[in-house]
Protein backbone atom coordinates (compact mmCIF):
# COMPACT_ATOMS: atom_id res chain seq x y z
CA MET A 1 -11.47 -30.61 -17.84
CA ALA A 2 -8.73 -28.11 -18.61
CA VAL A 3 -6.25 -27.31 -15.87
CA GLU A 4 -6.34 -23.68 -14.72
CA VAL A 5 -4.03 -21.84 -12.32
CA PHE A 6 -5.02 -18.72 -10.36
CA LEU A 7 -3.19 -16.33 -8.06
CA VAL A 8 -5.21 -16.15 -4.85
CA GLY A 9 -5.45 -14.80 -1.34
CA GLY A 10 -3.16 -12.24 0.24
CA SER A 11 -1.11 -11.35 -2.81
CA VAL A 12 -4.24 -10.39 -4.77
CA ARG A 13 -5.68 -8.51 -1.80
CA ASP A 14 -2.46 -6.59 -1.18
CA LYS A 15 -2.17 -5.55 -4.82
CA LEU A 16 -5.65 -4.07 -4.64
CA LEU A 17 -4.66 -2.26 -1.44
CA ASP A 18 -1.42 -1.08 -3.05
CA ARG A 19 0.59 -2.77 -0.33
CA PRO A 20 3.68 -4.98 -0.66
CA SER A 21 3.10 -8.73 -0.57
CA GLU A 22 5.72 -11.21 0.58
CA ASP A 23 4.48 -14.41 -1.07
CA ASN A 24 2.41 -15.56 -3.99
CA ASP A 25 -0.09 -18.37 -3.43
CA TRP A 26 -1.66 -20.26 -6.29
CA VAL A 27 -4.66 -22.54 -6.62
CA VAL A 28 -4.81 -25.23 -9.30
CA VAL A 29 -8.21 -26.24 -10.67
CA GLY A 30 -8.79 -29.46 -12.62
CA SER A 31 -5.63 -31.35 -11.67
CA THR A 32 -4.52 -34.16 -9.35
CA PRO A 33 -1.57 -34.80 -7.02
CA ALA A 34 -0.19 -37.38 -9.46
CA GLU A 35 -0.16 -34.87 -12.31
CA LEU A 36 1.64 -32.21 -10.24
CA LEU A 37 4.21 -34.70 -8.96
CA ALA A 38 4.82 -35.83 -12.54
CA GLU A 39 5.62 -32.23 -13.47
CA GLY A 40 8.25 -31.97 -10.72
CA TYR A 41 6.24 -30.33 -7.95
CA GLN A 42 7.14 -31.29 -4.35
CA GLN A 43 4.31 -32.16 -1.99
CA VAL A 44 4.22 -30.33 1.35
CA GLY A 45 2.73 -32.27 4.26
CA LYS A 46 0.01 -34.88 4.12
CA ASP A 47 -3.10 -33.06 5.37
CA PHE A 48 -3.65 -30.72 2.45
CA PRO A 49 -2.83 -30.99 -1.26
CA VAL A 50 -0.15 -28.28 -1.28
CA PHE A 51 2.89 -28.43 -3.56
CA LEU A 52 6.04 -26.41 -4.19
CA HIS A 53 6.76 -25.26 -7.74
CA PRO A 54 9.90 -26.98 -9.08
CA GLU A 55 11.58 -23.65 -9.94
CA THR A 56 10.02 -20.78 -7.97
CA LYS A 57 9.27 -22.88 -4.85
CA GLU A 58 6.00 -20.95 -4.49
CA GLU A 59 3.01 -22.84 -3.07
CA TYR A 60 0.46 -24.34 -5.43
CA ALA A 61 -2.62 -25.89 -3.82
CA LEU A 62 -5.21 -28.05 -5.51
CA ALA A 63 -8.68 -26.56 -5.32
CA ARG A 64 -10.42 -28.07 -2.32
CA THR A 65 -13.45 -27.94 -0.07
CA GLU A 66 -13.50 -28.44 3.69
CA LYS A 67 -16.25 -29.89 5.84
CA LYS A 68 -16.45 -29.66 9.60
CA GLN A 69 -16.15 -33.08 11.23
CA GLY A 70 -15.10 -32.38 14.81
CA GLN A 71 -14.14 -29.66 17.25
CA GLY A 72 -11.22 -27.28 17.16
CA TYR A 73 -8.91 -26.14 14.40
CA GLN A 74 -8.13 -29.56 12.92
CA GLY A 75 -11.62 -31.03 12.87
CA PHE A 76 -12.05 -30.79 9.09
CA GLU A 77 -12.46 -33.23 6.24
CA CYS A 78 -10.62 -32.04 3.14
CA TYR A 79 -11.88 -32.96 -0.35
CA PHE A 80 -9.81 -32.25 -3.45
CA ALA A 81 -10.47 -33.53 -6.94
CA PRO A 82 -10.50 -32.16 -10.50
CA ASP A 83 -14.21 -31.38 -10.19
CA VAL A 84 -13.74 -28.82 -7.37
CA THR A 85 -14.34 -25.37 -8.85
CA LEU A 86 -12.50 -22.12 -8.12
CA GLU A 87 -15.65 -20.67 -6.57
CA GLN A 88 -15.93 -23.63 -4.19
CA ASP A 89 -12.31 -23.23 -3.17
CA LEU A 90 -12.75 -19.50 -2.55
CA MET A 91 -15.90 -20.12 -0.50
CA ARG A 92 -13.94 -21.95 2.23
CA ARG A 93 -11.82 -18.85 2.91
CA ASP A 94 -12.39 -16.60 5.92
CA LEU A 95 -12.93 -13.08 4.58
CA THR A 96 -14.19 -11.76 1.26
CA ILE A 97 -11.06 -9.67 0.82
CA ASN A 98 -9.08 -12.94 0.92
CA ALA A 99 -11.40 -14.71 -1.53
CA ILE A 100 -10.38 -12.94 -4.74
CA ALA A 101 -8.48 -14.75 -7.52
CA GLN A 102 -6.54 -13.46 -10.49
CA LYS A 103 -6.04 -15.13 -13.85
CA HIS A 104 -2.72 -15.08 -15.71
CA ASP A 105 -4.03 -12.27 -17.94
CA GLY A 106 -4.79 -10.11 -14.88
CA GLU A 107 -8.56 -10.58 -14.89
CA LEU A 108 -9.99 -10.79 -11.37
CA VAL A 109 -12.46 -13.45 -10.25
CA ASP A 110 -14.50 -12.10 -7.32
CA PRO A 111 -17.58 -14.25 -6.63
CA TYR A 112 -18.01 -13.00 -3.04
CA HIS A 113 -17.62 -9.25 -3.66
CA GLY A 114 -14.27 -8.81 -1.94
CA ILE A 115 -13.33 -5.90 -4.21
CA SER A 116 -16.38 -3.98 -3.03
CA ASP A 117 -15.50 -4.70 0.60
CA ILE A 118 -11.96 -3.45 0.00
CA LYS A 119 -13.34 -0.22 -1.44
CA ASN A 120 -15.71 0.15 1.50
CA LYS A 121 -13.03 -0.93 4.02
CA ILE A 122 -15.05 -3.80 5.49
CA LEU A 123 -13.87 -7.10 6.93
CA ARG A 124 -16.70 -9.51 6.12
CA HIS A 125 -16.94 -13.32 6.29
CA VAL A 126 -17.43 -15.25 3.06
CA SER A 127 -20.06 -17.75 4.20
CA PRO A 128 -21.82 -19.15 7.29
CA ALA A 129 -19.05 -21.79 7.36
CA PHE A 130 -16.99 -19.09 9.08
CA VAL A 131 -18.16 -20.50 12.43
CA GLU A 132 -16.62 -23.89 11.69
CA ASP A 133 -13.11 -22.64 12.44
CA PRO A 134 -12.60 -20.94 15.85
CA LEU A 135 -9.18 -19.64 14.83
CA ARG A 136 -10.93 -17.25 12.46
CA VAL A 137 -11.97 -15.09 15.38
CA LEU A 138 -8.30 -14.35 16.02
CA ARG A 139 -7.55 -13.98 12.32
CA VAL A 140 -10.24 -11.35 11.83
CA ALA A 141 -8.96 -9.49 14.88
CA ARG A 142 -5.46 -9.62 13.40
CA PHE A 143 -6.64 -8.21 10.08
CA ALA A 144 -8.42 -5.48 12.00
CA ALA A 145 -5.06 -4.66 13.64
CA ARG A 146 -3.33 -4.66 10.26
CA TYR A 147 -5.79 -2.43 8.43
CA HIS A 148 -6.98 -0.22 11.27
CA THR A 149 -4.94 2.74 10.02
CA LEU A 150 -6.60 2.37 6.61
CA GLY A 151 -10.03 2.70 8.20
CA PHE A 152 -11.21 -0.93 8.00
CA THR A 153 -13.94 -2.10 10.34
CA ILE A 154 -15.55 -5.48 10.99
CA ALA A 155 -18.98 -6.06 9.46
CA PRO A 156 -21.66 -6.32 12.20
CA GLU A 157 -22.81 -9.73 10.96
CA THR A 158 -19.22 -11.01 11.04
CA PHE A 159 -18.72 -9.63 14.54
CA ALA A 160 -21.89 -11.46 15.62
CA LEU A 161 -20.42 -14.74 14.37
CA MET A 162 -17.21 -14.02 16.26
CA GLN A 163 -19.26 -13.60 19.43
CA GLU A 164 -21.05 -16.87 18.68
CA LEU A 165 -17.73 -18.68 18.37
CA ALA A 166 -16.46 -17.11 21.58
CA HIS A 167 -19.51 -18.37 23.46
CA SER A 168 -19.28 -21.86 21.91
CA GLY A 169 -16.13 -22.70 23.86
CA GLU A 170 -14.30 -23.89 20.74
CA ILE A 171 -11.57 -21.27 21.04
CA GLU A 172 -10.53 -22.93 24.28
CA LEU A 173 -9.92 -26.15 22.33
CA LEU A 174 -7.23 -24.52 20.20
CA SER A 175 -3.67 -25.41 21.14
CA GLY A 176 -1.47 -22.87 22.88
CA GLU A 177 0.88 -22.96 19.89
CA ARG A 178 -1.89 -21.99 17.45
CA LEU A 179 -3.15 -19.22 19.71
CA TRP A 180 0.33 -17.79 20.20
CA LYS A 181 1.21 -18.05 16.50
CA GLU A 182 -1.76 -15.86 15.64
CA THR A 183 -1.15 -13.53 18.58
CA VAL A 184 2.54 -12.91 17.89
CA ARG A 185 1.67 -12.15 14.27
CA ALA A 186 -0.87 -9.64 15.57
CA LEU A 187 1.81 -8.08 17.78
CA SER A 188 3.80 -7.32 14.63
CA GLU A 189 0.91 -5.47 12.97
CA PRO A 190 0.78 -1.65 12.80
CA SER A 191 -1.97 -1.42 15.45
CA PRO A 192 -1.60 -4.48 17.69
CA HIS A 193 -3.81 -3.01 20.41
CA ILE A 194 -6.78 -3.33 18.05
CA TYR A 195 -6.33 -7.13 18.02
CA PHE A 196 -6.75 -7.39 21.77
CA GLN A 197 -9.49 -4.76 21.88
CA VAL A 198 -11.53 -6.64 19.27
CA LEU A 199 -11.09 -9.94 21.12
CA HIS A 200 -12.16 -8.25 24.35
CA ASP A 201 -15.21 -6.70 22.66
CA CYS A 202 -16.42 -10.04 21.26
CA ASN A 203 -15.73 -11.88 24.54
CA ALA A 204 -13.02 -14.07 22.98
CA LEU A 205 -10.02 -12.77 24.96
CA ASN A 206 -11.13 -14.51 28.14
CA CYS A 207 -11.05 -17.84 26.28
CA PHE A 208 -7.24 -17.87 26.13
CA PHE A 209 -5.84 -14.85 27.98
CA PRO A 210 -8.01 -14.34 31.10
CA GLU A 211 -5.17 -12.54 32.94
CA LEU A 212 -5.41 -9.73 30.38
CA GLU A 213 -9.20 -9.75 30.05
CA LYS A 214 -9.55 -9.21 33.79
CA LEU A 215 -8.00 -5.73 33.58
CA TRP A 216 -11.04 -4.06 32.02
CA GLY A 217 -13.18 -2.43 34.70
CA ILE A 218 -10.35 -2.15 37.24
CA PRO A 219 -9.71 1.52 38.14
CA ASN A 220 -6.40 3.34 38.52
CA PRO A 221 -5.82 6.58 40.47
CA GLU A 222 -7.16 9.38 38.26
CA GLU A 223 -4.24 11.63 39.25
CA TRP A 224 -1.80 9.40 37.39
CA HIS A 225 -4.24 7.74 34.99
CA PRO A 226 -6.83 10.15 33.56
CA GLU A 227 -8.16 7.23 31.48
CA ILE A 228 -8.79 5.40 34.81
CA ASP A 229 -9.63 1.94 33.43
CA THR A 230 -6.66 -0.48 33.50
CA GLY A 231 -7.78 -2.31 30.37
CA ILE A 232 -7.96 0.96 28.45
CA HIS A 233 -4.57 1.98 29.85
CA THR A 234 -3.05 -1.32 28.73
CA MET A 235 -4.31 -0.83 25.19
CA MET A 236 -2.89 2.70 25.18
CA VAL A 237 0.46 1.36 26.40
CA LEU A 238 0.56 -1.24 23.62
CA GLU A 239 -0.31 1.45 21.08
CA GLN A 240 2.63 3.54 22.31
CA ALA A 241 4.93 0.52 22.30
CA ALA A 242 4.11 -0.05 18.64
CA LYS A 243 5.15 3.53 17.91
CA LEU A 244 8.41 3.14 19.83
CA SER A 245 9.52 -0.28 18.60
CA ASP A 246 8.91 -2.96 15.98
CA SER A 247 10.00 -5.60 18.48
CA THR A 248 7.22 -8.04 19.35
CA GLU A 249 9.06 -8.74 22.62
CA VAL A 250 8.80 -5.08 23.63
CA ARG A 251 5.15 -4.99 22.63
CA PHE A 252 4.35 -8.15 24.60
CA ALA A 253 6.14 -6.76 27.67
CA ALA A 254 4.11 -3.56 27.38
CA LEU A 255 0.93 -5.64 27.13
CA CYS A 256 1.73 -7.59 30.30
CA HIS A 257 3.28 -4.94 32.53
CA ASP A 258 0.14 -4.40 34.66
CA LEU A 259 -1.32 -7.91 34.84
CA GLY A 260 -0.78 -7.85 38.60
CA LYS A 261 -3.51 -5.25 38.99
CA GLY A 262 -5.99 -7.98 38.22
CA LEU A 263 -5.23 -9.46 41.64
CA THR A 264 -5.79 -6.29 43.68
CA PRO A 265 -8.71 -6.72 46.13
CA LYS A 266 -11.63 -4.42 45.31
CA GLU A 267 -11.46 -2.76 48.71
CA GLU A 268 -7.99 -1.47 47.84
CA TRP A 269 -8.96 0.09 44.50
CA PRO A 270 -7.82 2.34 42.88
CA SER A 271 -4.47 1.72 44.62
CA HIS A 272 -2.48 -1.29 43.45
CA ARG A 273 0.31 -1.70 45.95
CA GLY A 274 2.65 -4.55 45.02
CA HIS A 275 1.10 -5.18 41.60
CA GLU A 276 4.55 -5.18 40.00
CA LYS A 277 5.70 -8.40 41.66
CA SER A 278 2.28 -10.04 41.74
CA GLY A 279 2.20 -9.83 37.95
CA VAL A 280 5.32 -11.97 37.54
CA PRO A 281 3.69 -15.38 38.23
CA LEU A 282 0.69 -14.41 36.09
CA ILE A 283 3.02 -13.84 33.15
CA GLU A 284 4.70 -17.17 33.78
CA ALA A 285 1.33 -18.96 33.82
CA ALA A 286 0.16 -17.31 30.59
CA CYS A 287 3.43 -18.07 28.82
CA LYS A 288 3.35 -21.69 29.91
CA ARG A 289 -0.25 -22.12 28.77
CA LEU A 290 0.30 -20.47 25.38
CA ARG A 291 3.78 -21.97 24.81
CA ILE A 292 5.28 -18.50 24.55
CA PRO A 293 9.08 -18.46 24.06
CA LYS A 294 11.27 -17.70 27.07
CA LYS A 295 12.63 -14.44 25.67
CA TYR A 296 9.11 -12.97 25.72
CA GLN A 297 8.42 -14.23 29.22
CA GLN A 298 11.69 -12.94 30.66
CA LEU A 299 11.35 -9.41 29.26
CA ALA A 300 7.69 -9.21 30.28
CA GLN A 301 8.50 -10.30 33.83
CA ILE A 302 11.30 -7.72 34.10
CA ALA A 303 8.94 -5.01 32.84
CA SER A 304 6.25 -6.06 35.30
CA GLU A 305 8.51 -6.14 38.34
CA TYR A 306 10.64 -3.07 37.68
CA HIS A 307 8.66 -0.57 35.56
CA LEU A 308 7.89 1.68 38.54
CA HIS A 309 11.58 1.68 39.50
CA LEU A 310 12.43 3.20 36.15
CA HIS A 311 9.68 5.82 36.41
CA ARG A 312 11.20 6.89 39.74
CA ILE A 313 14.84 6.69 38.67
CA PHE A 314 15.52 10.37 39.52
CA GLU A 315 14.60 9.64 43.15
CA MET A 316 17.22 6.88 43.40
CA ASP A 317 20.86 7.15 44.43
CA ALA A 318 23.76 5.60 42.51
CA THR A 319 23.70 2.41 44.57
CA ALA A 320 20.02 1.81 43.84
CA ILE A 321 20.54 2.56 40.15
CA VAL A 322 23.35 0.03 39.80
CA THR A 323 21.32 -2.53 41.74
CA LEU A 324 18.40 -1.97 39.36
CA MET A 325 20.66 -2.52 36.37
CA GLU A 326 22.01 -5.69 37.92
CA ASN A 327 18.52 -7.03 38.68
CA THR A 328 17.31 -6.33 35.14
CA GLY A 329 20.34 -7.92 33.48
CA ALA A 330 21.67 -4.68 32.00
CA TYR A 331 25.32 -5.71 32.21
CA ARG A 332 24.79 -9.22 30.87
CA HIS A 333 22.17 -8.47 28.21
CA PRO A 334 22.21 -4.74 27.37
CA HIS A 335 19.91 -5.24 24.38
CA VAL A 336 17.21 -6.73 26.61
CA PHE A 337 17.73 -3.86 29.04
CA GLU A 338 17.14 -1.36 26.24
CA GLN A 339 13.94 -3.23 25.35
CA PHE A 340 12.86 -3.00 28.99
CA ILE A 341 13.35 0.77 28.92
CA LEU A 342 11.19 1.06 25.79
CA ALA A 343 8.40 -0.92 27.46
CA CYS A 344 8.59 1.44 30.44
CA GLU A 345 8.46 4.48 28.20
CA ALA A 346 5.37 3.04 26.52
CA ASP A 347 3.80 2.65 29.97
CA PHE A 348 4.56 6.27 30.80
CA ARG A 349 3.11 7.55 27.52
CA GLY A 350 0.13 5.20 27.51
CA ARG A 351 -2.03 7.57 29.50
CA THR A 352 -4.46 10.27 28.47
CA GLY A 353 -2.53 13.50 27.94
CA PHE A 354 0.91 11.86 28.24
CA GLU A 355 1.16 10.47 24.72
CA ASN A 356 3.69 13.02 23.46
CA LYS A 357 5.58 13.83 26.65
CA ASP A 358 9.32 13.31 26.95
CA TYR A 359 10.67 10.41 28.96
CA PRO A 360 14.09 11.61 30.19
CA GLN A 361 14.50 8.44 32.25
CA ARG A 362 15.51 6.57 29.09
CA HIS A 363 18.52 8.80 28.28
CA PHE A 364 19.50 9.01 31.94
CA LEU A 365 19.61 5.25 32.47
CA LEU A 366 21.32 4.50 29.16
CA SER A 367 24.00 7.03 30.12
CA ALA A 368 24.42 5.31 33.49
CA LEU A 369 24.83 2.00 31.73
CA GLU A 370 27.34 3.45 29.28
CA VAL A 371 29.67 4.72 32.03
CA SER A 372 29.37 1.71 34.31
CA ALA A 373 29.29 -1.25 31.90
CA PRO A 374 33.01 -1.11 30.94
CA VAL A 375 34.04 -1.92 34.52
CA SER A 376 35.47 -5.45 34.40
CA ALA A 377 36.92 -8.05 36.73
CA GLN A 378 40.43 -8.03 35.23
CA ALA A 379 41.67 -4.93 37.02
CA PHE A 380 40.59 -6.28 40.40
CA ILE A 381 42.02 -9.73 39.76
CA LYS A 382 45.38 -8.08 39.07
CA LYS A 383 45.08 -6.28 42.41
CA GLY A 384 44.71 -9.63 44.15
CA PHE A 385 40.96 -9.73 44.79
CA GLN A 386 39.37 -13.18 44.69
CA GLY A 387 35.94 -14.80 44.66
CA LYS A 388 33.06 -12.78 46.05
CA ALA A 389 35.33 -9.80 46.65
CA ILE A 390 35.75 -9.31 42.91
CA GLY A 391 32.02 -8.81 42.44
CA GLU A 392 31.89 -6.43 45.38
CA GLN A 393 34.66 -4.30 43.91
CA ILE A 394 33.02 -4.26 40.49
CA LYS A 395 29.77 -3.00 41.98
CA LYS A 396 31.59 -0.43 44.10
CA GLU A 397 33.39 0.91 41.03
CA ARG A 398 30.18 0.97 38.99
CA ILE A 399 28.44 2.92 41.72
CA ALA A 400 31.28 5.43 41.72
CA LYS A 401 31.06 5.82 37.92
CA VAL A 402 27.31 6.40 38.07
CA GLN A 403 27.67 8.81 40.98
CA GLU A 404 30.30 10.79 39.09
CA SER A 405 28.22 10.83 35.91
CA THR A 406 25.11 11.92 37.80
CA SER A 407 27.00 14.75 39.51
CA VAL A 408 28.40 16.00 36.18
CA ASN A 409 24.97 15.89 34.51
CA ASN A 410 23.37 17.73 37.44
CA LYS A 411 25.97 20.49 37.15
CA LYS A 412 25.34 20.79 33.41
CA SER A 413 21.61 21.07 33.94
């Protein structure tokens, strides 16, 4: 059997969508690991027959089939041999748009009609084997988030299989690392809110992020939230965060800012007194369960606890403003503080009718930070202050700087 090499997967799909592609992936039909190693390829890992090209370092995988043997993401038996065909290899893939191959002469091989689905903007599973991998529920949701602006929708029969997987309990068997890896990739997509909305709609979100799932159906005061529903509001906030920042940390903080509302007793609805602080331990629990890096957790907890403070910044005096900046780490980590402000702005705009309104709090607080941050300990040490007194003098001076700046700005306005 002659050896054949095909370009496959995302690079082929993205060319058809006229979108940039970062990597090329290749599948090799009719060869063996020994033959590739003899040609200078480097094997990657032990689970799958994947090799790095000796010059380009691009990935070349032997054509393979996969058979479900157990539960979860790793419960598969992999078979690779020269007799595995290209069509068999493509059949194991998740979506038809990812199951298109290209020959060296440019001819496309499309046994599962992915080109048609690209033209019709449909995300459709390749085969019934879709249900063998629970991670595919999250992957389809992520592709929905990526291509939402292009008009792509999930095929009804594929959505039904996603619901089946959600009800099977297999998603809960996935490791926190795998769930977070897919989720943080979704947070970087153009429409990350679609990822979480899709998972909510197919009942999969509760399998790994129950703190977020709980928000749907919880009302907010209509005066401040014309959209009323907290789940809907959260999706609107994430949508605004994606417009304001490419940072996945900012987007995650926006996603988690109202988790505390899920703990409000029904008899207190639609008021949510104290939800800011009650959300902090919920974020910690979710981050621990999903193995989410500390930088995400810390920003999300700051946004949860202090977002209402920023909304009300014009009601606060200079002392309260400096205290807020201290509590949110503005002087130690100004970049994180700027991210916090963006998450708060997303919260403000993530409401029906507020999407395009100005958020003057951002400029006001950044100006306060600019005038007060340069205050340092050196001047007070030279004056003979020691220990705790140095910090007290620094804060006093910062308050004076903010007070002066606020007075000047008020006169200008």
